[in-house]
Protein backbone atom coordinates (compact mmCIF):
# COMPACT_ATOMS: atom_id res chain seq x y z
CA MET A 1 175.27 37.57 141.47
CA LEU A 2 174.94 40.59 143.75
CA ILE A 3 171.52 42.19 144.15
CA SER A 4 173.00 45.50 142.98
CA GLU A 5 173.39 43.98 139.49
CA TYR A 6 169.63 43.35 139.24
CA ILE A 7 168.15 46.65 140.44
CA SER A 8 165.19 47.94 138.43
CA LYS A 9 164.05 51.50 139.12
CA ASP A 10 160.82 52.01 137.19
CA PHE A 11 158.51 51.04 140.09
CA PRO A 12 158.51 53.63 142.90
CA ALA A 13 158.00 53.50 146.63
CA PHE A 14 154.94 55.64 147.46
CA GLU A 15 154.59 58.27 150.15
CA ILE A 16 152.22 57.33 152.96
CA ASP A 17 149.75 60.07 152.03
CA SER A 18 149.25 58.60 148.54
CA SER A 19 145.75 57.55 147.49
CA THR A 20 145.27 53.79 147.60
CA GLU A 21 143.15 54.02 144.45
CA ASP A 22 145.93 55.67 142.47
CA VAL A 23 148.56 53.29 143.83
CA PHE A 24 146.39 50.26 143.06
CA ASP A 25 146.11 51.30 139.41
CA ILE A 26 149.89 51.51 139.13
CA VAL A 27 150.62 48.18 140.83
CA GLN A 28 147.99 46.52 138.62
CA GLU A 29 149.76 47.87 135.55
CA PHE A 30 153.06 46.36 136.67
CA GLY A 31 151.49 43.05 137.70
CA PHE A 32 153.17 43.01 141.10
CA THR A 33 151.75 41.53 144.30
CA HIS A 34 152.91 44.35 146.59
CA VAL A 35 153.34 48.10 146.70
CA PHE A 36 156.19 49.77 148.59
CA VAL A 37 155.66 52.52 151.14
CA LYS A 38 158.04 55.22 152.33
CA LYS A 39 157.98 58.31 154.51
CA ASN A 40 160.22 60.98 153.04
CA ASP A 41 163.40 59.00 152.23
CA SER A 42 162.83 56.22 154.78
CA PHE A 43 161.50 52.92 153.50
CA LEU A 44 158.67 51.60 155.69
CA GLY A 45 157.66 48.30 154.11
CA ALA A 46 155.25 46.71 151.64
CA ILE A 47 151.48 46.28 151.43
CA CYS A 48 149.78 43.52 149.47
CA LYS A 49 147.72 44.88 146.57
CA ASP A 50 144.66 42.96 147.83
CA PHE A 51 144.41 45.39 150.77
CA LEU A 52 144.65 48.33 148.36
CA GLU A 53 141.72 47.00 146.36
CA GLU A 54 139.63 46.63 149.51
CA ASN A 55 140.39 50.18 150.72
CA GLN A 56 140.37 52.40 147.64
CA ASP A 57 138.75 55.31 149.47
CA LYS A 58 141.71 55.70 151.82
CA THR A 59 145.36 56.69 151.87
CA LEU A 60 148.29 54.37 152.50
CA SER A 61 148.76 55.84 155.97
CA GLU A 62 145.28 54.59 156.91
CA ILE A 63 146.06 50.95 156.10
CA LEU A 64 149.55 50.70 157.60
CA ILE A 65 148.19 47.94 159.82
CA HIS A 66 148.73 45.68 156.80
CA LEU A 67 152.35 46.75 156.33
CA GLU A 68 154.88 43.92 155.94
CA ARG A 69 158.51 44.57 156.74
CA PHE A 70 160.66 42.88 154.12
CA ALA A 71 163.42 44.12 151.85
CA ILE A 72 166.88 43.13 150.71
CA LEU A 73 170.14 45.04 150.85
CA LYS A 74 171.83 45.90 147.57
CA ASP A 75 175.02 44.12 148.75
CA ASN A 76 173.29 40.78 149.33
CA PHE A 77 173.40 37.85 146.91
CA VAL A 78 170.56 37.00 144.55
CA LEU A 79 170.05 33.61 146.24
CA ASP A 80 169.15 35.49 149.44
CA SER A 81 166.04 36.80 147.69
CA ILE A 82 164.52 33.36 147.10
CA LYS A 83 163.53 32.89 150.75
CA LEU A 84 161.81 36.29 150.73
CA PHE A 85 159.84 35.46 147.58
CA TYR A 86 158.60 32.30 149.28
CA THR A 87 158.04 33.65 152.82
CA PHE A 88 156.03 36.70 151.78
CA ASN A 89 154.33 35.11 148.76
CA THR A 90 155.49 37.97 146.57
CA ASN A 91 156.81 38.42 143.05
CA VAL A 92 158.72 41.61 143.81
CA ILE A 93 161.18 42.57 146.55
CA PRO A 94 162.27 46.11 147.45
CA ILE A 95 165.99 46.86 147.48
CA ILE A 96 167.35 49.26 150.09
CA ASP A 97 170.72 50.51 151.29
CA LYS A 98 172.05 50.45 154.86
CA THR A 99 170.27 53.70 155.67
CA GLU A 100 166.98 52.07 154.59
CA LYS A 101 166.62 54.27 151.54
CA TYR A 102 164.59 52.71 148.74
CA LEU A 103 166.75 52.07 145.66
CA GLY A 104 164.52 49.99 143.41
CA TYR A 105 163.32 46.40 143.21
CA ILE A 106 164.13 42.90 142.05
CA ALA A 107 161.42 40.84 140.36
CA TYR A 108 160.76 37.10 140.64
CA ASP A 109 160.98 36.61 136.87
CA ASP A 110 164.40 38.29 136.67
CA VAL A 111 165.85 35.99 139.34
CA PHE A 112 164.51 32.70 138.02
CA ASN A 113 165.17 33.52 134.38
CA ASP A 114 168.78 34.10 135.33
CA LEU A 115 169.07 30.95 137.46
CA SER A 116 167.60 28.85 134.66
CA ARG A 117 170.75 29.29 132.56
CA TYR A 118 172.92 27.43 135.09
CA PRO A 119 173.70 23.73 134.36
CA LEU A 120 171.87 22.55 137.47
CA PHE A 121 168.64 23.68 135.78
CA SER A 122 169.43 23.95 132.07
CA GLU A 123 171.23 20.68 131.28
CA ASN A 124 169.28 17.60 130.27
CA GLY A 125 169.88 14.76 132.65
CA ALA A 126 168.65 12.72 135.57
CA VAL A 127 167.52 14.05 138.95
CA LEU A 128 168.42 12.00 141.98
CA THR A 129 167.77 12.55 145.70
CA VAL A 130 169.83 10.65 148.25
CA GLU A 131 169.66 10.64 152.03
CA THR A 132 172.46 10.10 154.52
CA ASN A 133 173.26 10.65 158.19
CA SER A 134 173.83 14.33 158.88
CA LYS A 135 177.06 13.55 160.76
CA SER A 136 178.60 11.72 157.81
CA TYR A 137 177.29 14.02 155.07
CA SER A 138 179.88 15.06 152.49
CA MET A 139 179.10 16.81 149.21
CA THR A 140 182.63 15.93 148.05
CA GLU A 141 181.91 12.22 148.50
CA ILE A 142 178.57 12.52 146.68
CA ALA A 143 180.23 14.18 143.70
CA LYS A 144 182.99 11.54 143.70
CA ILE A 145 180.44 8.71 143.63
CA VAL A 146 178.74 10.26 140.60
CA GLU A 147 181.96 11.03 138.74
CA GLY A 148 183.50 7.69 139.74
CA ASN A 149 180.81 6.05 137.61
CA ASN A 150 181.77 8.15 134.56
CA CYS A 151 178.72 10.34 135.05
CA LYS A 152 178.77 14.14 134.97
CA PHE A 153 177.82 16.05 138.12
CA TYR A 154 175.96 19.26 137.09
CA GLY A 155 175.13 20.51 140.57
CA ALA A 156 173.20 19.81 143.75
CA LEU A 157 171.24 21.38 146.56
CA ILE A 158 170.29 20.34 150.08
CA SER A 159 166.56 19.66 149.81
CA HIS A 160 166.06 18.65 153.46
CA ILE A 161 168.12 18.77 156.64
CA ASP A 162 167.52 18.03 160.31
CA GLU A 163 169.54 16.75 163.26
CA ASP A 164 169.51 13.15 162.01
CA SER A 165 169.59 13.23 158.23
CA VAL A 166 170.38 15.21 155.11
CA GLN A 167 168.77 14.85 151.69
CA VAL A 168 170.70 16.03 148.65
CA THR A 169 168.99 16.50 145.28
CA MET A 170 171.36 16.52 142.31
CA LYS A 171 171.30 16.85 138.53
CA ILE A 172 173.58 14.37 136.76
CA SER A 173 174.07 13.17 133.20
CA ASN A 174 172.27 10.10 131.89
CA GLU A 175 175.25 7.72 131.76
CA ASN A 176 175.56 4.61 133.99
CA LEU A 177 172.61 5.52 136.19
CA SER A 178 172.09 2.02 137.56
CA SER A 179 175.74 1.91 138.62
CA VAL A 180 175.38 5.29 140.33
CA ASP A 181 172.35 3.98 142.27
CA GLU A 182 174.19 0.85 143.36
CA THR A 183 177.28 2.77 144.44
CA PHE A 184 175.25 5.15 146.58
CA GLU A 185 173.54 2.20 148.29
CA ARG A 186 176.91 0.51 148.80
CA TYR A 187 178.27 3.60 150.53
CA GLY A 188 175.30 3.75 152.89
CA TYR A 189 173.17 6.34 151.08
CA HIS A 190 169.44 5.77 150.69
CA VAL A 191 168.09 6.69 147.25
CA VAL A 192 164.89 8.55 148.10
CA TYR A 193 163.78 9.72 144.65
CA LYS A 194 164.99 9.21 141.12
CA PHE A 195 163.49 10.96 138.16
CA TYR A 196 164.63 8.94 135.17
CA ASN A 197 163.98 5.59 133.54
CA ASP A 198 165.85 2.86 135.39
CA GLU A 199 166.74 0.24 132.74
CA LYS A 200 167.25 -2.49 135.34
CA GLU A 201 163.84 -1.85 136.93
CA ASP A 202 162.21 -1.71 133.50
CA LEU A 203 163.75 -5.09 132.65
CA ILE A 204 162.47 -6.61 135.90
CA LYS A 205 158.97 -5.21 135.24
CA ASP A 206 158.98 -6.59 131.69
CA ARG A 207 160.00 -10.05 132.92
CA TYR A 208 157.36 -9.96 135.67
CA GLN A 209 154.64 -9.03 133.18
CA TYR A 210 155.81 -11.79 130.86
CA PHE A 211 155.71 -14.25 133.76
CA GLN A 212 152.13 -13.17 134.63
CA LYS A 213 151.01 -13.72 131.04
CA TYR A 214 152.67 -17.15 131.11
CA LEU A 215 150.69 -18.11 134.23
CA GLU A 216 147.43 -17.05 132.63
CA PHE A 217 147.75 -19.73 129.90
């Protein structure tokens, strides 16, 4: 999953003397949030298309005050791009080499379409978030708890971390979910979220509703 495997080259980096009006037309056609700027062979950064639209009587060099410095090296991993997509609120990231030469781009859709084929995202199942002390956190133990209850462990990610605690969100199969919950609690994990129908809770709710109806008579 190296960035170099995802390079697209049909969207250029524009010279700083390019007309913002011409550049805006091109970025609109591609549907990207940013345009890339270079000076000769040196990549300078990116400018949000909103600033192009507001300054269509100028050149890129005249609006460099709005330049944002973000890019990714071709030798990085695809997962490294996700933080950039989020931080700069962009749907396209420029790819450069170590000399800061513009090589092409990677698009948001390409990354997430590819990630969606992995079991963590593609398999049907339950989503569970557990919290534990950061000092005792062990992904191995979490996986063992799931698999020890004859449930398949499709994958997990750390959804929150600080000095005191860690939250792990996982995708698991739909078997023995109540037992998985109970085992986590027994091992000192707090179940923060669970996105599935808990049969035991449903049974308790049904009995409570039946009891309420009985009292109304």
